[in-house]
């Protein structure tokens, strides 16, 4: 069974993430969405909320593709998380050249830790290249319409969260 790990904070999951998940699921039998706890980033949504959004958004996709897609919270090294879930591949999405520079360093470090785990890069769809969770949150905080960047479920969650703050 070919297993891949797609890690990120997913705060919140965007249409860009879903595009990568959709394309990655065509390459593997099981896709694990590694939800980074990363307390330093101060996420808008709790870990439980992010996992629930991912599960809700990926359930239909999993059914359509026949690929098992699961959310897996992690707080350890990425390479250790890959071992924990039995992943032979790490999937990373690239939006721009700046992403590649950072990712190139990460691949080098991960290969030094375990060369048997490959990293596969998927380029963001041209329509989704500008989408970043950080920018989505900023637009939503300032009252802008983020419906072009997230699903209706996530859009509602953002509205509810930001109406409270």
C-alpha atoms as a PDB file:
ATOM      1  CA  UNK A   1       0.000   0.000   0.000  1.00  0.00           C
ATOM      2  CA  UNK A   2       1.365   3.388  -1.005  1.00  0.00           C
ATOM      3  CA  UNK A   3       0.909   5.914   1.824  1.00  0.00           C
ATOM      4  CA  UNK A   4       1.633   9.645   1.621  1.00  0.00           C
ATOM      5  CA  UNK A   5       1.698  12.343   4.280  1.00  0.00           C
ATOM      6  CA  UNK A   6       0.541  15.866   3.445  1.00  0.00           C
ATOM      7  CA  UNK A   7       1.527  18.042   6.421  1.00  0.00           C
ATOM      8  CA  UNK A   8       0.459  21.537   7.318  1.00  0.00           C
ATOM      9  CA  UNK A   9      -1.260  23.684   9.885  1.00  0.00           C
ATOM     10  CA  UNK A  10      -4.484  23.953   7.851  1.00  0.00           C
ATOM     11  CA  UNK A  11      -5.694  26.987   9.806  1.00  0.00           C
ATOM     12  CA  UNK A  12      -8.061  26.895   8.005  1.00  0.00           C
ATOM     13  CA  UNK A  13      -8.102  24.402   5.154  1.00  0.00           C
ATOM     14  CA  UNK A  14      -8.430  26.299   1.844  1.00  0.00           C
ATOM     15  CA  UNK A  15      -9.355  25.446  -1.720  1.00  0.00           C
ATOM     16  CA  UNK A  16      -5.622  25.418  -2.429  1.00  0.00           C
ATOM     17  CA  UNK A  17      -5.138  22.664   0.156  1.00  0.00           C
ATOM     18  CA  UNK A  18      -8.109  20.746  -1.225  1.00  0.00           C
ATOM     19  CA  UNK A  19      -6.644  20.974  -4.735  1.00  0.00           C
ATOM     20  CA  UNK A  20      -3.381  19.414  -3.512  1.00  0.00           C
ATOM     21  CA  UNK A  21      -5.275  16.769  -1.504  1.00  0.00           C
ATOM     22  CA  UNK A  22      -7.384  15.874  -4.529  1.00  0.00           C
ATOM     23  CA  UNK A  23      -4.384  15.476  -6.824  1.00  0.00           C
ATOM     24  CA  UNK A  24      -2.272  13.667  -4.219  1.00  0.00           C
ATOM     25  CA  UNK A  25      -5.076  11.198  -3.536  1.00  0.00           C
ATOM     26  CA  UNK A  26      -4.837  10.052  -7.162  1.00  0.00           C
ATOM     27  CA  UNK A  27      -1.223   9.008  -6.550  1.00  0.00           C
ATOM     28  CA  UNK A  28      -1.596   6.883  -3.410  1.00  0.00           C
ATOM     29  CA  UNK A  29      -3.806   4.329  -1.695  1.00  0.00           C
ATOM     30  CA  UNK A  30      -3.910   6.279   1.563  1.00  0.00           C
ATOM     31  CA  UNK A  31      -3.333   9.978   2.154  1.00  0.00           C
ATOM     32  CA  UNK A  32      -2.685  11.150   5.690  1.00  0.00           C
ATOM     33  CA  UNK A  33      -3.301  14.831   6.299  1.00  0.00           C
ATOM     34  CA  UNK A  34      -0.793  15.683   9.019  1.00  0.00           C
ATOM     35  CA  UNK A  35      -2.284  18.491  11.078  1.00  0.00           C
ATOM     36  CA  UNK A  36       0.566  20.291  12.812  1.00  0.00           C
ATOM     37  CA  UNK A  37      -0.176  21.396  16.346  1.00  0.00           C
ATOM     38  CA  UNK A  38       2.481  24.163  16.187  1.00  0.00           C
ATOM     39  CA  UNK A  39       1.533  26.242  19.226  1.00  0.00           C
ATOM     40  CA  UNK A  40       3.977  28.978  18.130  1.00  0.00           C
ATOM     41  CA  UNK A  41       1.737  29.976  15.223  1.00  0.00           C
ATOM     42  CA  UNK A  42      -1.216  30.763  17.508  1.00  0.00           C
ATOM     43  CA  UNK A  43      -3.875  29.186  15.296  1.00  0.00           C
ATOM     44  CA  UNK A  44      -7.313  30.768  14.913  1.00  0.00           C
ATOM     45  CA  UNK A  45      -8.968  27.335  15.103  1.00  0.00           C
ATOM     46  CA  UNK A  46      -8.262  24.674  17.691  1.00  0.00           C
ATOM     47  CA  UNK A  47      -6.647  21.415  16.655  1.00  0.00           C
ATOM     48  CA  UNK A  48      -9.984  19.641  17.046  1.00  0.00           C
ATOM     49  CA  UNK A  49     -11.739  22.197  14.828  1.00  0.00           C
ATOM     50  CA  UNK A  50      -9.068  21.967  12.120  1.00  0.00           C
ATOM     51  CA  UNK A  51      -9.218  18.157  12.144  1.00  0.00           C
ATOM     52  CA  UNK A  52     -13.035  18.257  11.961  1.00  0.00           C
ATOM     53  CA  UNK A  53     -12.946  20.655   8.984  1.00  0.00           C
ATOM     54  CA  UNK A  54     -10.438  18.446   7.168  1.00  0.00           C
ATOM     55  CA  UNK A  55     -12.480  15.312   7.833  1.00  0.00           C
ATOM     56  CA  UNK A  56     -15.673  17.006   6.635  1.00  0.00           C
ATOM     57  CA  UNK A  57     -14.061  18.379   3.492  1.00  0.00           C
ATOM     58  CA  UNK A  58     -12.243  15.153   2.602  1.00  0.00           C
ATOM     59  CA  UNK A  59     -15.033  12.626   3.253  1.00  0.00           C
ATOM     60  CA  UNK A  60     -16.702  13.114  -0.134  1.00  0.00           C
ATOM     61  CA  UNK A  61     -13.361  13.234  -1.935  1.00  0.00           C
ATOM     62  CA  UNK A  62     -12.317   9.975  -0.306  1.00  0.00           C
ATOM     63  CA  UNK A  63     -15.579   8.389  -1.374  1.00  0.00           C
ATOM     64  CA  UNK A  64     -15.182   9.642  -4.962  1.00  0.00           C
ATOM     65  CA  UNK A  65     -11.569   8.563  -5.390  1.00  0.00           C
ATOM     66  CA  UNK A  66     -11.552   5.389  -3.323  1.00  0.00           C
ATOM     67  CA  UNK A  67      -8.445   6.684  -1.583  1.00  0.00           C
ATOM     68  CA  UNK A  68      -8.470   6.554   2.183  1.00  0.00           C
ATOM     69  CA  UNK A  69      -7.947  10.110   3.466  1.00  0.00           C
ATOM     70  CA  UNK A  70      -7.421  10.607   7.192  1.00  0.00           C
ATOM     71  CA  UNK A  71      -6.457  13.527   9.414  1.00  0.00           C
ATOM     72  CA  UNK A  72      -3.611  12.885  11.861  1.00  0.00           C
ATOM     73  CA  UNK A  73      -2.529  15.523  14.403  1.00  0.00           C
ATOM     74  CA  UNK A  74       1.217  15.678  15.074  1.00  0.00           C
ATOM     75  CA  UNK A  75       3.697  17.697  17.096  1.00  0.00           C
ATOM     76  CA  UNK A  76       6.907  15.792  16.430  1.00  0.00           C
ATOM     77  CA  UNK A  77       9.420  15.951  13.596  1.00  0.00           C
ATOM     78  CA  UNK A  78       7.836  15.599  10.171  1.00  0.00           C
ATOM     79  CA  UNK A  79      10.007  12.584   9.365  1.00  0.00           C
ATOM     80  CA  UNK A  80       8.930  10.935  12.634  1.00  0.00           C
ATOM     81  CA  UNK A  81       5.298  11.613  11.772  1.00  0.00           C
ATOM     82  CA  UNK A  82       5.899   9.955   8.380  1.00  0.00           C
ATOM     83  CA  UNK A  83       7.245   6.896  10.219  1.00  0.00           C
ATOM     84  CA  UNK A  84       4.300   6.940  12.651  1.00  0.00           C
ATOM     85  CA  UNK A  85       1.747   6.756   9.815  1.00  0.00           C
ATOM     86  CA  UNK A  86       3.761   4.434   7.566  1.00  0.00           C
ATOM     87  CA  UNK A  87       4.228   7.022   4.817  1.00  0.00           C
ATOM     88  CA  UNK A  88       6.779   6.455   2.080  1.00  0.00           C
ATOM     89  CA  UNK A  89       6.050   9.876   0.558  1.00  0.00           C
ATOM     90  CA  UNK A  90       5.688  13.401   1.857  1.00  0.00           C
ATOM     91  CA  UNK A  91       3.521  15.618  -0.342  1.00  0.00           C
ATOM     92  CA  UNK A  92       4.147  19.336  -0.428  1.00  0.00           C
ATOM     93  CA  UNK A  93       2.298  21.995  -2.400  1.00  0.00           C
ATOM     94  CA  UNK A  94       4.215  24.788  -4.087  1.00  0.00           C
ATOM     95  CA  UNK A  95       2.717  28.151  -4.955  1.00  0.00           C
ATOM     96  CA  UNK A  96       5.780  30.200  -5.900  1.00  0.00           C
ATOM     97  CA  UNK A  97       9.565  30.192  -6.104  1.00  0.00           C
ATOM     98  CA  UNK A  98       9.773  31.424  -2.499  1.00  0.00           C
ATOM     99  CA  UNK A  99       7.981  28.239  -1.387  1.00  0.00           C
ATOM    100  CA  UNK A 100      10.543  26.152  -3.235  1.00  0.00           C
ATOM    101  CA  UNK A 101      13.511  27.708  -1.440  1.00  0.00           C
ATOM    102  CA  UNK A 102      12.094  26.815   1.975  1.00  0.00           C
ATOM    103  CA  UNK A 103      10.907  23.382   0.840  1.00  0.00           C
ATOM    104  CA  UNK A 104      14.296  22.603  -0.718  1.00  0.00           C
ATOM    105  CA  UNK A 105      15.930  23.081   2.700  1.00  0.00           C
ATOM    106  CA  UNK A 106      13.286  20.911   4.368  1.00  0.00           C
ATOM    107  CA  UNK A 107      13.809  18.093   1.867  1.00  0.00           C
ATOM    108  CA  UNK A 108      17.542  18.177   2.482  1.00  0.00           C
ATOM    109  CA  UNK A 109      17.097  17.919   6.224  1.00  0.00           C
ATOM    110  CA  UNK A 110      14.453  15.193   5.961  1.00  0.00           C
ATOM    111  CA  UNK A 111      16.642  13.173   3.572  1.00  0.00           C
ATOM    112  CA  UNK A 112      19.529  13.465   6.031  1.00  0.00           C
ATOM    113  CA  UNK A 113      17.234  12.065   8.730  1.00  0.00           C
ATOM    114  CA  UNK A 114      15.796   9.285   6.533  1.00  0.00           C
ATOM    115  CA  UNK A 115      16.588   9.009   2.826  1.00  0.00           C
ATOM    116  CA  UNK A 116      13.952   6.306   2.331  1.00  0.00           C
ATOM    117  CA  UNK A 117      11.086   8.820   2.617  1.00  0.00           C
ATOM    118  CA  UNK A 118      10.659  10.728  -0.651  1.00  0.00           C
ATOM    119  CA  UNK A 119       9.185  14.198  -0.985  1.00  0.00           C
ATOM    120  CA  UNK A 120       6.889  14.929  -3.914  1.00  0.00           C
ATOM    121  CA  UNK A 121       6.019  18.490  -4.907  1.00  0.00           C
ATOM    122  CA  UNK A 122       2.723  19.368  -6.520  1.00  0.00           C
ATOM    123  CA  UNK A 123       2.385  22.792  -8.083  1.00  0.00           C
ATOM    124  CA  UNK A 124      -0.691  24.703  -7.011  1.00  0.00           C
ATOM    125  CA  UNK A 125      -3.319  25.085  -9.671  1.00  0.00           C
ATOM    126  CA  UNK A 126      -2.883  28.494 -11.334  1.00  0.00           C
ATOM    127  CA  UNK A 127      -6.299  29.594 -10.010  1.00  0.00           C
ATOM    128  CA  UNK A 128      -5.221  28.732  -6.445  1.00  0.00           C
ATOM    129  CA  UNK A 129      -1.611  30.001  -6.334  1.00  0.00           C
ATOM    130  CA  UNK A 130      -2.370  33.146  -4.347  1.00  0.00           C
ATOM    131  CA  UNK A 131      -4.362  31.369  -1.638  1.00  0.00           C
ATOM    132  CA  UNK A 132      -2.667  31.221   1.761  1.00  0.00           C
ATOM    133  CA  UNK A 133      -4.431  30.515   5.050  1.00  0.00           C
ATOM    134  CA  UNK A 134      -2.745  33.539   6.625  1.00  0.00           C
ATOM    135  CA  UNK A 135      -4.136  35.851   3.951  1.00  0.00           C
ATOM    136  CA  UNK A 136      -7.576  34.228   4.078  1.00  0.00           C
ATOM    137  CA  UNK A 137      -7.734  34.884   7.828  1.00  0.00           C
ATOM    138  CA  UNK A 138      -6.590  38.490   7.381  1.00  0.00           C
ATOM    139  CA  UNK A 139      -9.187  39.187   4.687  1.00  0.00           C
ATOM    140  CA  UNK A 140     -11.906  37.573   6.820  1.00  0.00           C
ATOM    141  CA  UNK A 141     -10.837  39.546   9.930  1.00  0.00           C
ATOM    142  CA  UNK A 142     -11.177  42.763   7.970  1.00  0.00           C
ATOM    143  CA  UNK A 143     -14.660  41.829   6.767  1.00  0.00           C
ATOM    144  CA  UNK A 144     -13.716  40.764   3.251  1.00  0.00           C
ATOM    145  CA  UNK A 145     -15.350  37.984   1.259  1.00  0.00           C
ATOM    146  CA  UNK A 146     -13.248  34.803   1.325  1.00  0.00           C
ATOM    147  CA  UNK A 147     -15.796  32.561  -0.406  1.00  0.00           C
ATOM    148  CA  UNK A 148     -13.513  32.301  -3.466  1.00  0.00           C
ATOM    149  CA  UNK A 149     -10.760  30.789  -1.322  1.00  0.00           C
ATOM    150  CA  UNK A 150     -12.529  28.362   1.026  1.00  0.00           C
ATOM    151  CA  UNK A 151     -15.483  25.996   1.025  1.00  0.00           C
ATOM    152  CA  UNK A 152     -18.877  27.131   2.359  1.00  0.00           C
ATOM    153  CA  UNK A 153     -18.290  25.127   5.569  1.00  0.00           C
ATOM    154  CA  UNK A 154     -14.983  26.885   6.260  1.00  0.00           C
ATOM    155  CA  UNK A 155     -16.414  30.258   5.251  1.00  0.00           C
ATOM    156  CA  UNK A 156     -19.155  29.862   7.865  1.00  0.00           C
ATOM    157  CA  UNK A 157     -16.650  28.746  10.490  1.00  0.00           C
ATOM    158  CA  UNK A 158     -14.550  31.846   9.811  1.00  0.00           C
ATOM    159  CA  UNK A 159     -17.581  34.130  10.053  1.00  0.00           C
ATOM    160  CA  UNK A 160     -18.652  32.560  13.334  1.00  0.00           C
ATOM    161  CA  UNK A 161     -15.166  32.660  14.854  1.00  0.00           C
ATOM    162  CA  UNK A 162     -14.447  36.219  13.845  1.00  0.00           C
ATOM    163  CA  UNK A 163     -17.878  37.522  14.902  1.00  0.00           C
ATOM    164  CA  UNK A 164     -17.021  36.374  18.457  1.00  0.00           C
ATOM    165  CA  UNK A 165     -13.608  38.101  18.491  1.00  0.00           C
END
